[in-house]
Amino acid sequence: MFAQLLAVMMPIMIGAGVGYFWVRFRQPYPTGFVTKLVFNVGTPCLIINALSGTHVALSAFSRMAGATLLCLLALLVVGIIVARVSNIHWKVILPPVLFPNTGNMGLPLAMYAFGEGQGFSLAIAVFVIVSIAQFVVGSITSSSRPVKSMLTNPTIHASVIAIVLMAWQITLPAWLSNSIELLAGMTIPIMLITLGVALASIRARNLSAGLAFALGRVVIAGLIAQGVGLVLGLNEETRGILMVMMCMPIAVYNYLFAQKAGRSPEFVASLVMCSTLTSFIYLPLMLMWVI
C-alpha cells in the first residue's frame, strides 16, 4: 500500500517542486502565457481525449456531474454561514469554501490514483462542473461579465464536444485523435509545474487561520461528498472519487480572482497555501481508504 501511495503522490510533489524551485532559483516563468496555453489548448484536449477515449457511459458521467453540482450547492450554504459567523465579506470567503483545486492538483492525482480509464473520466466530470461554476462565481466576485465568460470558456466547448462523442460513440479520425492526445499529454505536467510556481509566488499571512480553515473545509467537503453519494446511490468507488476531488486543496484561481478584485488577497493566499501544504498529509490518508 505504501508503494502504491508513493507512486501516486510523488509525481505530484516532484512536478510541483520543479515549479517551486524554478522560481526560487530566480528563473523566469511566463505564467500568463503558460496559463493561457493550458486553459485554451491543453485542458480542452485533455477533456476530449479522456472522455472520448474511455467511452465512459454518459449516464455515469451525468450522475457524477449532478453529484458535483449538489456538493457545490451544499458548500454554498456552508460558505454563507461561514461569512455570517466570521463577518468576512461573502465575496472573499465564498470562493475558497466552494472551489477545490480539481485542475492543477486534482486531475494529476486522479490520473495516478484511479488510472486513465473510467475513474479518470469521472474525475473529469467533477473538474468540468467545478470549472464552470468557478469562472461564473469568479467573474461575479471580480465584477466581470459571467455570461460572456461562460460562452467563451474553452472548457465548456470541449465538454460539449466530448459529451456528443460519448453519446453517439463517435470515433475520431486517427490523425485528429493522435493530435489531441499529443496536446493533452502536455497538460498534466504543466499544471503541476504551474502549481509550484504559484505556491512560490504568493505571499501569505495569518497562517493559523488558514490552517484551521483548510482542515475544517476538508472535513465538511468530505462529509458532504459522501452524503451526496449515498443519497444518489453512487457505488463505493465513485463516492471515493467524488470525495477525493471535492477535498482537493483550495484552488489557486481563488487567489488570482481575489488579487484581481482587490479583496483580501493575502488572506486568501494564506488559505491556498495552508490547504495545499496540508493536502500532502491528508490526501495519502484519504487515498488509503479509497484505493
C-alpha atoms as a PDB file:
ATOM      1  CA  MET A   1       0.000   0.000   0.000  1.00  0.00           C
ATOM      2  CA  PHE A   2       2.843   2.413   0.842  1.00  0.00           C
ATOM      3  CA  ALA A   3       4.464   1.822  -2.544  1.00  0.00           C
ATOM      4  CA  GLN A   4       1.108   2.463  -4.246  1.00  0.00           C
ATOM      5  CA  LEU A   5       0.597   5.725  -2.354  1.00  0.00           C
ATOM      6  CA  LEU A   6       4.153   6.772  -3.107  1.00  0.00           C
ATOM      7  CA  ALA A   7       3.565   6.123  -6.798  1.00  0.00           C
ATOM      8  CA  VAL A   8       0.534   8.442  -6.659  1.00  0.00           C
ATOM      9  CA  MET A   9       1.866  11.284  -4.520  1.00  0.00           C
ATOM     10  CA  MET A  10       5.497  11.556  -5.631  1.00  0.00           C
ATOM     11  CA  PRO A  11       4.762  12.684  -9.215  1.00  0.00           C
ATOM     12  CA  ILE A  12       2.527  15.412  -7.741  1.00  0.00           C
ATOM     13  CA  MET A  13       5.196  16.575  -5.299  1.00  0.00           C
ATOM     14  CA  ILE A  14       8.045  16.373  -7.815  1.00  0.00           C
ATOM     15  CA  GLY A  15       6.084  18.195 -10.524  1.00  0.00           C
ATOM     16  CA  ALA A  16       5.056  20.994  -8.175  1.00  0.00           C
ATOM     17  CA  GLY A  17       8.568  21.023  -6.703  1.00  0.00           C
ATOM     18  CA  VAL A  18      10.079  21.692 -10.121  1.00  0.00           C
ATOM     19  CA  GLY A  19       7.956  24.826 -10.467  1.00  0.00           C
ATOM     20  CA  TYR A  20       8.565  25.922  -6.872  1.00  0.00           C
ATOM     21  CA  PHE A  21      12.336  25.694  -7.016  1.00  0.00           C
ATOM     22  CA  TRP A  22      12.436  27.074 -10.557  1.00  0.00           C
ATOM     23  CA  VAL A  23      11.039  30.340  -9.204  1.00  0.00           C
ATOM     24  CA  ARG A  24      13.120  30.188  -6.023  1.00  0.00           C
ATOM     25  CA  PHE A  25      16.256  29.994  -8.161  1.00  0.00           C
ATOM     26  CA  ARG A  26      15.055  33.189  -9.871  1.00  0.00           C
ATOM     27  CA  GLN A  27      14.443  31.603 -13.242  1.00  0.00           C
ATOM     28  CA  PRO A  28      11.847  33.271 -15.478  1.00  0.00           C
ATOM     29  CA  TYR A  29       8.483  31.580 -15.872  1.00  0.00           C
ATOM     30  CA  PRO A  30       5.892  33.108 -18.234  1.00  0.00           C
ATOM     31  CA  THR A  31       2.887  32.313 -16.030  1.00  0.00           C
ATOM     32  CA  GLY A  32       0.448  34.327 -18.132  1.00  0.00           C
ATOM     33  CA  PHE A  33       1.416  32.576 -21.363  1.00  0.00           C
ATOM     34  CA  VAL A  34       1.520  29.116 -19.799  1.00  0.00           C
ATOM     35  CA  THR A  35      -1.853  29.572 -18.091  1.00  0.00           C
ATOM     36  CA  LYS A  36      -3.492  30.667 -21.342  1.00  0.00           C
ATOM     37  CA  LEU A  37      -1.873  27.764 -23.200  1.00  0.00           C
ATOM     38  CA  VAL A  38      -3.137  25.195 -20.700  1.00  0.00           C
ATOM     39  CA  PHE A  39      -6.561  26.807 -20.389  1.00  0.00           C
ATOM     40  CA  ASN A  40      -7.199  27.334 -24.100  1.00  0.00           C
ATOM     41  CA  VAL A  41      -5.422  24.320 -25.627  1.00  0.00           C
ATOM     42  CA  GLY A  42      -4.208  21.724 -23.141  1.00  0.00           C
ATOM     43  CA  THR A  43      -7.268  21.343 -20.924  1.00  0.00           C
ATOM     44  CA  PRO A  44      -9.822  21.137 -23.773  1.00  0.00           C
ATOM     45  CA  CYS A  45      -7.678  18.487 -25.458  1.00  0.00           C
ATOM     46  CA  LEU A  46      -7.349  16.601 -22.155  1.00  0.00           C
ATOM     47  CA  ILE A  47     -11.131  16.566 -21.676  1.00  0.00           C
ATOM     48  CA  ILE A  48     -11.847  15.366 -25.222  1.00  0.00           C
ATOM     49  CA  ASN A  49      -9.048  12.787 -25.140  1.00  0.00           C
ATOM     50  CA  ALA A  50     -10.089  11.351 -21.764  1.00  0.00           C
ATOM     51  CA  LEU A  51     -13.822  11.219 -22.362  1.00  0.00           C
ATOM     52  CA  SER A  52     -13.809  10.081 -25.987  1.00  0.00           C
ATOM     53  CA  GLY A  53     -11.053   7.531 -25.397  1.00  0.00           C
ATOM     54  CA  THR A  54     -12.581   5.644 -22.451  1.00  0.00           C
ATOM     55  CA  HIS A  55     -16.176   5.548 -23.736  1.00  0.00           C
ATOM     56  CA  VAL A  56     -17.492   6.063 -20.208  1.00  0.00           C
ATOM     57  CA  ALA A  57     -21.271   5.761 -20.074  1.00  0.00           C
ATOM     58  CA  LEU A  58     -22.993   9.102 -20.489  1.00  0.00           C
ATOM     59  CA  SER A  59     -25.310   8.222 -17.611  1.00  0.00           C
ATOM     60  CA  ALA A  60     -22.348   7.681 -15.258  1.00  0.00           C
ATOM     61  CA  PHE A  61     -20.788  10.950 -16.375  1.00  0.00           C
ATOM     62  CA  SER A  62     -24.096  12.789 -15.863  1.00  0.00           C
ATOM     63  CA  ARG A  63     -24.610  11.323 -12.395  1.00  0.00           C
ATOM     64  CA  MET A  64     -21.141  12.394 -11.323  1.00  0.00           C
ATOM     65  CA  ALA A  65     -21.724  15.878 -12.751  1.00  0.00           C
ATOM     66  CA  GLY A  66     -25.038  16.089 -10.881  1.00  0.00           C
ATOM     67  CA  ALA A  67     -23.400  14.897  -7.654  1.00  0.00           C
ATOM     68  CA  THR A  68     -20.728  17.556  -8.018  1.00  0.00           C
ATOM     69  CA  LEU A  69     -23.354  20.248  -8.507  1.00  0.00           C
ATOM     70  CA  LEU A  70     -25.175  19.125  -5.360  1.00  0.00           C
ATOM     71  CA  CYS A  71     -21.899  19.213  -3.413  1.00  0.00           C
ATOM     72  CA  LEU A  72     -21.276  22.770  -4.582  1.00  0.00           C
ATOM     73  CA  LEU A  73     -24.783  23.829  -3.569  1.00  0.00           C
ATOM     74  CA  ALA A  74     -24.252  22.349  -0.101  1.00  0.00           C
ATOM     75  CA  LEU A  75     -20.883  24.101   0.175  1.00  0.00           C
ATOM     76  CA  LEU A  76     -22.590  27.323  -0.921  1.00  0.00           C
ATOM     77  CA  VAL A  77     -24.814  27.105   2.151  1.00  0.00           C
ATOM     78  CA  VAL A  78     -21.754  26.399   4.317  1.00  0.00           C
ATOM     79  CA  GLY A  79     -19.946  29.391   2.795  1.00  0.00           C
ATOM     80  CA  ILE A  80     -22.854  31.732   3.527  1.00  0.00           C
ATOM     81  CA  ILE A  81     -22.922  30.540   7.140  1.00  0.00           C
ATOM     82  CA  VAL A  82     -19.153  30.994   7.486  1.00  0.00           C
ATOM     83  CA  ALA A  83     -19.398  34.513   6.048  1.00  0.00           C
ATOM     84  CA  ARG A  84     -22.115  35.476   8.543  1.00  0.00           C
ATOM     85  CA  VAL A  85     -20.363  33.945  11.556  1.00  0.00           C
ATOM     86  CA  SER A  86     -16.893  35.294  10.737  1.00  0.00           C
ATOM     87  CA  ASN A  87     -18.027  38.720   9.455  1.00  0.00           C
ATOM     88  CA  ILE A  88     -15.857  38.196   6.387  1.00  0.00           C
ATOM     89  CA  HIS A  89     -17.343  39.548   3.163  1.00  0.00           C
ATOM     90  CA  TRP A  90     -19.016  36.748   1.202  1.00  0.00           C
ATOM     91  CA  LYS A  91     -17.101  37.686  -1.949  1.00  0.00           C
ATOM     92  CA  VAL A  92     -13.875  36.931  -0.066  1.00  0.00           C
ATOM     93  CA  ILE A  93     -14.775  33.714   1.726  1.00  0.00           C
ATOM     94  CA  LEU A  94     -17.250  32.053  -0.630  1.00  0.00           C
ATOM     95  CA  PRO A  95     -14.868  31.068  -3.481  1.00  0.00           C
ATOM     96  CA  PRO A  96     -12.347  29.322  -1.159  1.00  0.00           C
ATOM     97  CA  VAL A  97     -15.183  27.388   0.502  1.00  0.00           C
ATOM     98  CA  LEU A  98     -16.690  26.354  -2.822  1.00  0.00           C
ATOM     99  CA  PHE A  99     -13.810  25.582  -5.140  1.00  0.00           C
ATOM    100  CA  PRO A 100     -11.114  22.938  -4.654  1.00  0.00           C
ATOM    101  CA  ASN A 101      -8.106  22.637  -6.939  1.00  0.00           C
ATOM    102  CA  THR A 102      -9.602  19.977  -9.199  1.00  0.00           C
ATOM    103  CA  GLY A 103      -7.357  21.109 -12.079  1.00  0.00           C
ATOM    104  CA  ASN A 104      -3.675  21.611 -11.234  1.00  0.00           C
ATOM    105  CA  MET A 105      -3.753  19.012  -8.469  1.00  0.00           C
ATOM    106  CA  GLY A 106      -7.000  17.069  -8.792  1.00  0.00           C
ATOM    107  CA  LEU A 107      -6.578  15.785 -12.341  1.00  0.00           C
ATOM    108  CA  PRO A 108      -2.951  14.617 -11.903  1.00  0.00           C
ATOM    109  CA  LEU A 109      -3.846  12.877  -8.649  1.00  0.00           C
ATOM    110  CA  ALA A 110      -6.908  11.244 -10.209  1.00  0.00           C
ATOM    111  CA  MET A 111      -4.891  10.013 -13.172  1.00  0.00           C
ATOM    112  CA  TYR A 112      -2.257   8.345 -10.995  1.00  0.00           C
ATOM    113  CA  ALA A 113      -4.689   7.097  -8.321  1.00  0.00           C
ATOM    114  CA  PHE A 114      -7.580   5.847 -10.457  1.00  0.00           C
ATOM    115  CA  GLY A 115      -5.875   5.177 -13.784  1.00  0.00           C
ATOM    116  CA  GLU A 116      -6.631   6.640 -17.191  1.00  0.00           C
ATOM    117  CA  GLY A 117      -9.868   4.712 -17.623  1.00  0.00           C
ATOM    118  CA  GLN A 118     -13.350   5.351 -16.258  1.00  0.00           C
ATOM    119  CA  GLY A 119     -12.106   6.650 -12.897  1.00  0.00           C
ATOM    120  CA  PHE A 120     -10.191   9.474 -14.552  1.00  0.00           C
ATOM    121  CA  SER A 121     -13.184  10.257 -16.779  1.00  0.00           C
ATOM    122  CA  LEU A 122     -15.414  10.607 -13.717  1.00  0.00           C
ATOM    123  CA  ALA A 123     -12.821  12.916 -12.168  1.00  0.00           C
ATOM    124  CA  ILE A 124     -13.017  14.956 -15.385  1.00  0.00           C
ATOM    125  CA  ALA A 125     -16.782  15.312 -14.786  1.00  0.00           C
ATOM    126  CA  VAL A 126     -16.081  16.847 -11.372  1.00  0.00           C
ATOM    127  CA  PHE A 127     -13.451  19.138 -12.867  1.00  0.00           C
ATOM    128  CA  VAL A 128     -15.813  20.364 -15.605  1.00  0.00           C
ATOM    129  CA  ILE A 129     -18.629  21.329 -13.213  1.00  0.00           C
ATOM    130  CA  VAL A 130     -16.257  22.953 -10.713  1.00  0.00           C
ATOM    131  CA  SER A 131     -14.505  24.893 -13.508  1.00  0.00           C
ATOM    132  CA  ILE A 132     -17.759  26.236 -14.934  1.00  0.00           C
ATOM    133  CA  ALA A 133     -19.033  27.265 -11.510  1.00  0.00           C
ATOM    134  CA  GLN A 134     -15.676  28.751 -10.567  1.00  0.00           C
ATOM    135  CA  PHE A 135     -15.476  31.027 -13.567  1.00  0.00           C
ATOM    136  CA  VAL A 136     -19.076  32.155 -13.094  1.00  0.00           C
ATOM    137  CA  VAL A 137     -18.582  32.971  -9.400  1.00  0.00           C
ATOM    138  CA  GLY A 138     -15.106  34.356 -10.062  1.00  0.00           C
ATOM    139  CA  SER A 139     -16.495  36.649 -12.731  1.00  0.00           C
ATOM    140  CA  ILE A 140     -19.245  37.847 -10.393  1.00  0.00           C
ATOM    141  CA  THR A 141     -16.899  38.499  -7.482  1.00  0.00           C
ATOM    142  CA  SER A 142     -14.420  40.343  -9.726  1.00  0.00           C
ATOM    143  CA  SER A 143     -17.190  42.442 -11.343  1.00  0.00           C
ATOM    144  CA  SER A 144     -16.809  40.940 -14.818  1.00  0.00           C
ATOM    145  CA  ARG A 145     -19.475  39.529 -17.128  1.00  0.00           C
ATOM    146  CA  PRO A 146     -20.210  35.904 -16.175  1.00  0.00           C
ATOM    147  CA  VAL A 147     -22.348  35.126 -19.235  1.00  0.00           C
ATOM    148  CA  LYS A 148     -19.558  36.188 -21.585  1.00  0.00           C
ATOM    149  CA  SER A 149     -17.051  34.165 -19.566  1.00  0.00           C
ATOM    150  CA  MET A 150     -19.184  31.049 -19.948  1.00  0.00           C
ATOM    151  CA  LEU A 151     -19.740  31.499 -23.675  1.00  0.00           C
ATOM    152  CA  THR A 152     -16.018  31.981 -24.316  1.00  0.00           C
ATOM    153  CA  ASN A 153     -14.845  29.268 -21.901  1.00  0.00           C
ATOM    154  CA  PRO A 154     -12.915  26.572 -23.852  1.00  0.00           C
ATOM    155  CA  THR A 155     -13.630  24.050 -21.074  1.00  0.00           C
ATOM    156  CA  ILE A 156     -17.353  24.300 -21.816  1.00  0.00           C
ATOM    157  CA  HIS A 157     -16.806  23.960 -25.564  1.00  0.00           C
ATOM    158  CA  ALA A 158     -14.608  20.894 -25.064  1.00  0.00           C
ATOM    159  CA  SER A 159     -17.107  19.371 -22.641  1.00  0.00           C
ATOM    160  CA  VAL A 160     -19.948  19.733 -25.140  1.00  0.00           C
ATOM    161  CA  ILE A 161     -17.842  18.130 -27.882  1.00  0.00           C
ATOM    162  CA  ALA A 162     -16.806  15.286 -25.563  1.00  0.00           C
ATOM    163  CA  ILE A 163     -20.392  14.638 -24.451  1.00  0.00           C
ATOM    164  CA  VAL A 164     -21.512  14.453 -28.097  1.00  0.00           C
ATOM    165  CA  LEU A 165     -18.698  11.988 -28.832  1.00  0.00           C
ATOM    166  CA  MET A 166     -19.697   9.884 -25.810  1.00  0.00           C
ATOM    167  CA  ALA A 167     -23.427   9.969 -26.514  1.00  0.00           C
ATOM    168  CA  TRP A 168     -23.117   8.866 -30.137  1.00  0.00           C
ATOM    169  CA  GLN A 169     -19.931   6.812 -29.609  1.00  0.00           C
ATOM    170  CA  ILE A 170     -18.182   8.712 -32.364  1.00  0.00           C
ATOM    171  CA  THR A 171     -14.604   7.679 -33.127  1.00  0.00           C
ATOM    172  CA  LEU A 172     -12.338  10.488 -34.222  1.00  0.00           C
ATOM    173  CA  PRO A 173     -10.043  10.076 -37.245  1.00  0.00           C
ATOM    174  CA  ALA A 174      -6.605   8.775 -36.293  1.00  0.00           C
ATOM    175  CA  TRP A 175      -4.811  11.993 -37.275  1.00  0.00           C
ATOM    176  CA  LEU A 176      -7.143  14.096 -35.120  1.00  0.00           C
ATOM    177  CA  SER A 177      -7.178  11.653 -32.208  1.00  0.00           C
ATOM    178  CA  ASN A 178      -3.364  11.464 -32.170  1.00  0.00           C
ATOM    179  CA  SER A 179      -3.044  15.251 -32.363  1.00  0.00           C
ATOM    180  CA  ILE A 180      -5.451  15.748 -29.450  1.00  0.00           C
ATOM    181  CA  GLU A 181      -3.676  13.070 -27.425  1.00  0.00           C
ATOM    182  CA  LEU A 182      -0.312  14.730 -28.048  1.00  0.00           C
ATOM    183  CA  LEU A 183      -1.539  18.146 -26.895  1.00  0.00           C
ATOM    184  CA  ALA A 184      -3.372  16.599 -23.941  1.00  0.00           C
ATOM    185  CA  GLY A 185      -0.135  14.970 -22.805  1.00  0.00           C
ATOM    186  CA  MET A 186       1.477  18.300 -22.014  1.00  0.00           C
ATOM    187  CA  THR A 187      -1.337  19.424 -19.728  1.00  0.00           C
ATOM    188  CA  ILE A 188      -0.759  17.426 -16.525  1.00  0.00           C
ATOM    189  CA  PRO A 189       2.990  18.204 -16.210  1.00  0.00           C
ATOM    190  CA  ILE A 190       2.477  21.903 -16.943  1.00  0.00           C
ATOM    191  CA  MET A 191      -0.410  22.062 -14.442  1.00  0.00           C
ATOM    192  CA  LEU A 192       1.835  20.670 -11.709  1.00  0.00           C
ATOM    193  CA  ILE A 193       4.767  22.940 -12.543  1.00  0.00           C
ATOM    194  CA  THR A 194       2.477  25.986 -12.606  1.00  0.00           C
ATOM    195  CA  LEU A 195       1.058  24.966  -9.234  1.00  0.00           C
ATOM    196  CA  GLY A 196       4.568  25.006  -7.775  1.00  0.00           C
ATOM    197  CA  VAL A 197       5.260  28.387  -9.382  1.00  0.00           C
ATOM    198  CA  ALA A 198       2.070  29.792  -7.864  1.00  0.00           C
ATOM    199  CA  LEU A 199       2.944  28.478  -4.389  1.00  0.00           C
ATOM    200  CA  ALA A 200       6.386  30.060  -4.615  1.00  0.00           C
ATOM    201  CA  SER A 201       4.960  33.369  -5.795  1.00  0.00           C
ATOM    202  CA  ILE A 202       2.050  34.080  -3.445  1.00  0.00           C
ATOM    203  CA  ARG A 203       2.574  35.960  -0.196  1.00  0.00           C
ATOM    204  CA  ALA A 204       0.523  34.615   2.696  1.00  0.00           C
ATOM    205  CA  ARG A 205      -0.261  35.999   6.144  1.00  0.00           C
ATOM    206  CA  ASN A 206      -2.230  34.733   9.162  1.00  0.00           C
ATOM    207  CA  LEU A 207      -1.282  31.120   8.550  1.00  0.00           C
ATOM    208  CA  SER A 208      -3.017  29.870  11.726  1.00  0.00           C
ATOM    209  CA  ALA A 209      -6.404  30.967  10.402  1.00  0.00           C
ATOM    210  CA  GLY A 210      -5.524  29.469   7.035  1.00  0.00           C
ATOM    211  CA  LEU A 211      -4.654  26.130   8.658  1.00  0.00           C
ATOM    212  CA  ALA A 212      -7.902  25.997  10.648  1.00  0.00           C
ATOM    213  CA  PHE A 213      -9.945  26.871   7.573  1.00  0.00           C
ATOM    214  CA  ALA A 214      -8.161  24.296   5.413  1.00  0.00           C
ATOM    215  CA  LEU A 215      -8.700  21.424   7.833  1.00  0.00           C
ATOM    216  CA  GLY A 216     -12.308  22.429   8.520  1.00  0.00           C
ATOM    217  CA  ARG A 217     -13.101  22.579   4.811  1.00  0.00           C
ATOM    218  CA  VAL A 218     -11.661  19.111   4.187  1.00  0.00           C
ATOM    219  CA  VAL A 219     -13.839  17.543   6.878  1.00  0.00           C
ATOM    220  CA  ILE A 220     -17.007  19.311   5.717  1.00  0.00           C
ATOM    221  CA  ALA A 221     -16.394  18.705   1.993  1.00  0.00           C
ATOM    222  CA  GLY A 222     -15.641  15.032   2.635  1.00  0.00           C
ATOM    223  CA  LEU A 223     -18.821  14.530   4.636  1.00  0.00           C
ATOM    224  CA  ILE A 224     -20.898  16.350   2.029  1.00  0.00           C
ATOM    225  CA  ALA A 225     -19.422  14.280  -0.822  1.00  0.00           C
ATOM    226  CA  GLN A 226     -20.100  11.007   0.987  1.00  0.00           C
ATOM    227  CA  GLY A 227     -23.610  12.126   1.914  1.00  0.00           C
ATOM    228  CA  VAL A 228     -24.462  13.192  -1.630  1.00  0.00           C
ATOM    229  CA  GLY A 229     -23.008   9.959  -2.996  1.00  0.00           C
ATOM    230  CA  LEU A 230     -25.150   7.858  -0.643  1.00  0.00           C
ATOM    231  CA  VAL A 231     -28.301   9.836  -1.444  1.00  0.00           C
ATOM    232  CA  LEU A 232     -27.733   9.406  -5.187  1.00  0.00           C
ATOM    233  CA  GLY A 233     -26.856   5.716  -4.794  1.00  0.00           C
ATOM    234  CA  LEU A 234     -23.326   6.021  -6.180  1.00  0.00           C
ATOM    235  CA  ASN A 235     -21.133   2.962  -5.725  1.00  0.00           C
ATOM    236  CA  GLU A 236     -18.209   2.983  -3.311  1.00  0.00           C
ATOM    237  CA  GLU A 237     -15.553   3.676  -5.961  1.00  0.00           C
ATOM    238  CA  THR A 238     -17.486   6.596  -7.447  1.00  0.00           C
ATOM    239  CA  ARG A 239     -18.139   8.072  -3.995  1.00  0.00           C
ATOM    240  CA  GLY A 240     -14.423   7.803  -3.298  1.00  0.00           C
ATOM    241  CA  ILE A 241     -13.537   9.678  -6.488  1.00  0.00           C
ATOM    242  CA  LEU A 242     -16.097  12.392  -5.691  1.00  0.00           C
ATOM    243  CA  MET A 243     -14.789  12.757  -2.135  1.00  0.00           C
ATOM    244  CA  VAL A 244     -11.141  12.964  -3.153  1.00  0.00           C
ATOM    245  CA  MET A 245     -11.847  15.568  -5.841  1.00  0.00           C
ATOM    246  CA  MET A 246     -14.019  17.723  -3.571  1.00  0.00           C
ATOM    247  CA  CYS A 247     -11.371  17.533  -0.826  1.00  0.00           C
ATOM    248  CA  MET A 248      -8.589  18.886  -3.011  1.00  0.00           C
ATOM    249  CA  PRO A 249      -6.838  21.964  -1.568  1.00  0.00           C
ATOM    250  CA  ILE A 250      -8.265  25.397  -2.290  1.00  0.00           C
ATOM    251  CA  ALA A 251      -7.793  26.378  -5.923  1.00  0.00           C
ATOM    252  CA  VAL A 252      -5.062  28.886  -6.763  1.00  0.00           C
ATOM    253  CA  TYR A 253      -7.559  30.651  -9.046  1.00  0.00           C
ATOM    254  CA  ASN A 254      -9.348  31.878  -5.896  1.00  0.00           C
ATOM    255  CA  TYR A 255      -6.243  33.858  -5.007  1.00  0.00           C
ATOM    256  CA  LEU A 256      -5.940  35.228  -8.533  1.00  0.00           C
ATOM    257  CA  PHE A 257      -9.560  36.388  -8.530  1.00  0.00           C
ATOM    258  CA  ALA A 258      -9.126  37.969  -5.064  1.00  0.00           C
ATOM    259  CA  GLN A 259      -5.985  39.756  -6.230  1.00  0.00           C
ATOM    260  CA  LYS A 260      -7.718  40.987  -9.383  1.00  0.00           C
ATOM    261  CA  ALA A 261     -10.679  42.337  -7.398  1.00  0.00           C
ATOM    262  CA  GLY A 262      -8.508  43.706  -4.557  1.00  0.00           C
ATOM    263  CA  ARG A 263     -10.448  41.762  -1.912  1.00  0.00           C
ATOM    264  CA  SER A 264      -8.129  40.500   0.851  1.00  0.00           C
ATOM    265  CA  PRO A 265      -5.699  38.692  -1.488  1.00  0.00           C
ATOM    266  CA  GLU A 266      -3.183  37.958   1.303  1.00  0.00           C
ATOM    267  CA  PHE A 267      -5.883  36.318   3.433  1.00  0.00           C
ATOM    268  CA  VAL A 268      -6.974  34.151   0.506  1.00  0.00           C
ATOM    269  CA  ALA A 269      -3.306  33.387  -0.204  1.00  0.00           C
ATOM    270  CA  SER A 270      -2.934  32.001   3.332  1.00  0.00           C
ATOM    271  CA  LEU A 271      -5.931  29.733   2.743  1.00  0.00           C
ATOM    272  CA  VAL A 272      -4.481  28.461  -0.537  1.00  0.00           C
ATOM    273  CA  MET A 273      -1.004  27.947   0.908  1.00  0.00           C
ATOM    274  CA  CYS A 274      -2.119  26.146   4.071  1.00  0.00           C
ATOM    275  CA  SER A 275      -4.636  23.913   2.324  1.00  0.00           C
ATOM    276  CA  THR A 276      -2.107  22.887  -0.329  1.00  0.00           C
ATOM    277  CA  LEU A 277       0.613  22.064   2.191  1.00  0.00           C
ATOM    278  CA  THR A 278      -1.728  20.119   4.485  1.00  0.00           C
ATOM    279  CA  SER A 279      -3.074  18.181   1.490  1.00  0.00           C
ATOM    280  CA  PHE A 280       0.229  16.331   1.235  1.00  0.00           C
ATOM    281  CA  ILE A 281      -0.608  14.905   4.669  1.00  0.00           C
ATOM    282  CA  TYR A 282      -4.343  14.182   4.494  1.00  0.00           C
ATOM    283  CA  LEU A 283      -4.583  13.075   0.847  1.00  0.00           C
ATOM    284  CA  PRO A 284      -2.396   9.963   1.331  1.00  0.00           C
ATOM    285  CA  LEU A 285      -4.568   9.007   4.316  1.00  0.00           C
ATOM    286  CA  MET A 286      -7.689   9.527   2.242  1.00  0.00           C
ATOM    287  CA  LEU A 287      -6.285   7.503  -0.653  1.00  0.00           C
ATOM    288  CA  MET A 288      -5.506   4.630   1.744  1.00  0.00           C
ATOM    289  CA  TRP A 289      -9.224   4.448   2.404  1.00  0.00           C
ATOM    290  CA  VAL A 290     -10.383   4.937  -1.182  1.00  0.00           C
ATOM    291  CA  ILE A 291      -7.936   2.878  -3.255  1.00  0.00           C
END
